[in-house]
Amino acid sequence: MITAIAFTVYPVSNMERARAFYEHVLGLHVSYNYQDVWVEYEIGGSTFAITTTEMGHTPGAKGALVAFEVSDIEAFVHKMKERAVSFVTELFDTPVCRMAVIEDQDGNHITIHKRKS
């Protein structure tokens, strides 16, 4: 029986550049670092990881994506624009949420998400 998602991982081509983006641009905090080839970030009871290890996946391959829930989507989108983050999809509404899609330097898509009350 599956009980939870253990982690989501993105392959990256340059760990230093990726960490600068995820930590300094998005504001994530490292929870685990294995020899600078696998770095984890604990987010709301889940784990998001980035890796330069060869796992059979290409950075930016446009496969699965991660969606980060934010407390104030308008403020977060504004901050990303100030930091010159590339937007794949501008902020839009659905019946249950608001979201936008940005990308890291490898082209991995990241959904910024806020559930409606």
Protein backbone atom coordinates (compact mmCIF):
# COMPACT_ATOMS: atom_id res chain seq x y z
CA MET A 1 0.00 0.00 0.00
CA ILE A 2 1.35 3.42 -0.93
CA THR A 3 1.11 5.83 1.98
CA ALA A 4 2.88 9.00 0.79
CA ILE A 5 5.15 10.52 -1.82
CA ALA A 6 8.68 10.10 -0.47
CA PHE A 7 10.27 12.80 -2.61
CA THR A 8 10.24 14.62 -5.92
CA VAL A 9 13.61 15.08 -7.65
CA TYR A 10 14.81 17.18 -10.57
CA PRO A 11 18.01 16.39 -12.43
CA VAL A 12 20.18 19.50 -12.86
CA SER A 13 23.28 20.10 -14.96
CA ASN A 14 25.12 22.42 -12.56
CA MET A 15 24.61 22.05 -8.79
CA GLU A 16 26.04 25.43 -7.82
CA ARG A 17 23.81 27.27 -10.29
CA ALA A 18 20.76 25.16 -9.35
CA ARG A 19 21.29 25.73 -5.62
CA ALA A 20 21.58 29.48 -6.20
CA PHE A 21 18.21 29.40 -7.97
CA TYR A 22 16.33 27.17 -5.53
CA GLU A 23 17.80 28.71 -2.39
CA HIS A 24 18.37 32.37 -3.23
CA VAL A 25 15.67 32.97 -5.83
CA LEU A 26 12.90 30.65 -4.58
CA GLY A 27 13.95 30.80 -0.92
CA LEU A 28 14.15 27.07 -0.13
CA HIS A 29 16.29 25.88 2.78
CA VAL A 30 18.57 22.83 2.58
CA SER A 31 17.55 19.96 4.84
CA TYR A 32 20.12 17.44 3.56
CA ASN A 33 23.17 17.61 1.31
CA TYR A 34 24.95 14.48 0.13
CA GLN A 35 28.38 15.44 -1.26
CA ASP A 36 26.89 18.29 -3.34
CA VAL A 37 25.44 15.78 -5.82
CA TRP A 38 22.06 15.32 -4.07
CA VAL A 39 20.47 18.22 -2.16
CA GLU A 40 17.11 18.00 -0.40
CA TYR A 41 14.64 20.64 0.75
CA GLU A 42 11.85 19.77 3.22
CA ILE A 43 8.65 21.55 2.25
CA GLY A 44 5.44 21.09 4.20
CA GLY A 45 6.01 17.46 5.09
CA SER A 46 7.39 16.53 1.66
CA THR A 47 10.87 16.48 0.17
CA PHE A 48 12.01 18.17 -3.03
CA ALA A 49 15.50 17.23 -4.23
CA ILE A 50 17.91 18.26 -6.97
CA THR A 51 20.71 16.06 -8.24
CA THR A 52 23.59 15.93 -10.68
CA THR A 53 23.87 12.14 -10.40
CA GLU A 54 23.16 10.12 -13.53
CA MET A 55 19.73 8.63 -12.97
CA GLY A 56 18.71 8.15 -16.60
CA HIS A 57 16.94 11.53 -16.72
CA THR A 58 17.92 14.63 -18.64
CA PRO A 59 17.77 18.05 -16.94
CA GLY A 60 14.88 20.04 -18.34
CA ALA A 61 13.41 17.04 -20.20
CA LYS A 62 9.84 18.28 -19.66
CA GLY A 63 8.61 15.20 -17.87
CA ALA A 64 6.89 15.39 -14.49
CA LEU A 65 6.84 18.70 -12.67
CA VAL A 66 6.63 19.96 -9.13
CA ALA A 67 4.04 22.43 -7.82
CA PHE A 68 5.00 24.56 -4.81
CA GLU A 69 2.14 25.90 -2.70
CA VAL A 70 2.68 29.53 -1.65
CA SER A 71 0.87 31.65 0.94
CA ASP A 72 0.58 34.79 -1.25
CA ILE A 73 0.76 34.01 -4.95
CA GLU A 74 0.63 37.61 -6.17
CA ALA A 75 3.57 38.60 -3.94
CA PHE A 76 5.55 35.51 -4.93
CA VAL A 77 4.97 36.08 -8.66
CA HIS A 78 6.01 39.71 -8.24
CA LYS A 79 9.22 38.63 -6.47
CA MET A 80 10.02 36.15 -9.25
CA LYS A 81 9.55 38.87 -11.88
CA GLU A 82 11.84 41.20 -9.91
CA ARG A 83 14.44 38.42 -9.93
CA ALA A 84 14.09 38.00 -13.72
CA VAL A 85 12.83 34.42 -13.46
CA SER A 86 11.57 33.04 -16.77
CA PHE A 87 7.78 32.51 -16.89
CA VAL A 88 6.42 29.66 -19.02
CA THR A 89 2.82 30.54 -18.14
CA GLU A 90 1.68 33.77 -16.52
CA LEU A 91 -0.60 33.74 -13.46
CA PHE A 92 -4.04 32.30 -14.24
CA ASP A 93 -7.14 31.09 -12.40
CA THR A 94 -8.85 27.72 -12.33
CA PRO A 95 -12.03 26.91 -10.39
CA VAL A 96 -9.94 25.65 -7.44
CA CYS A 97 -6.65 27.55 -7.58
CA ARG A 98 -4.41 30.26 -9.04
CA MET A 99 -1.09 29.31 -10.56
CA ALA A 100 1.80 30.27 -12.80
CA VAL A 101 4.64 28.22 -14.26
CA ILE A 102 8.28 29.29 -14.10
CA GLU A 103 11.45 27.44 -15.09
CA ASP A 104 14.94 26.98 -13.69
CA GLN A 105 18.12 27.41 -15.75
CA ASP A 106 17.92 23.80 -16.98
CA GLY A 107 14.37 24.33 -18.26
CA ASN A 108 12.68 22.30 -15.49
CA HIS A 109 9.15 23.66 -15.04
CA ILE A 110 7.99 24.69 -11.56
CA THR A 111 4.34 25.44 -10.88
CA ILE A 112 3.68 28.15 -8.30
CA HIS A 113 0.30 27.32 -6.80
CA LYS A 114 -2.28 28.77 -4.38
CA ARG A 115 -5.45 26.90 -3.52
CA LYS A 116 -8.60 29.00 -3.31
CA SER A 117 -10.43 29.01 0.02
